């Protein structure tokens, strides 16, 4: 992780002048919304007492930030807004009536988020300096070369750069967190307990949750999953399995295991918080599992785990390129046992992967 170079007093953003903040992240994908939660946590640390508004797209952000007391308004632009120009421009005009002390474009390379950042009214506008044509209208720019690999960490580093309050450990980043309530967690624990009991599985070795869906080339075929789960069962027969059912409402594992289905983001997160570990392909639900607080293993076949992989204590990633399903299962069981029975936190880095080779 690159350390922040010193900034001058002249361009620091004074914490005692920031009370209204706008974050521009116009994206509808669940994973991308969850990856913004560390940024909101960092803004709460740097600007205590400030209110935060968020510009998103679609409705996912409403569920994601439901329990964030610092978040005041979530402006959800319509998906494919230019096909619904009246609703789109009506929302834009509403946001433009506000005046912000700080507007943040947390993205690298997104022309849409930069356009909105310029369009809205604010005293200070913060973003990455990732091209000459994108500098216009911005008051505070951070060199793109200083952005960490991981997408969730980039926006955190961005707001730290010009902050007047520095952090003692620059590599200490807030984790993905949906901030589930105690009641939501209790509901998930009871739900999973009931599913396991009704399926006559023994939970003495804990419960593993599985999410077997992903988009495009990130999806593992059903035969791969069948072999993977069979190997999990052989390596760890004392564990119970629960499948989290995708939004289309069909099991990806031939309905062999008890499943939980909900169209509610928070209810799905509650169920995942009730298992002892989640195993998921790289997708939005993988990020949701991490944000639920349950130890999570993300499996990556084509995308870069350094950008999207789970981080934080008891989370890890597996790069499955060149692995058989049996080899991937063996590594997953190792990580599960380390988390469930061991005392040493897992770390999704090269040292961990080296121990599994």
Foldseek 3Di string as FASTA:
>chain_A
DDDFDDDDPVQFDELVQFAEEEEEDAEDFLQSLLLQVLVVVLCCVQRPNHAYEYEYADDNNCQLCVPPPRYDYYQHAYVVNVVVVVSRVVSLVVQQVDEGQEYEHQDAPDPVSLVSQQSHHYPAYFYEPRDPVSCPNHDYYHHPVPAFQASSVRSSVRNQNRGPDHDPDSVDTDFRASPFDPVLLVVLQVVVVVQCVVVPAAQPVWEEEEEQDADDPLHDALVQVQVLVVLLCVVCVNYAYEYEDDPVRDDSNNCPGHYDYDPRLSNSLSNLSNTQEYEYEQGSVQSSSVNSVHQYEYEGAPDDCSHRNHADWNHEYHDCHVHGSNLVSVLVVVSSCCRRPNDHTDGHDPVSVVVSD
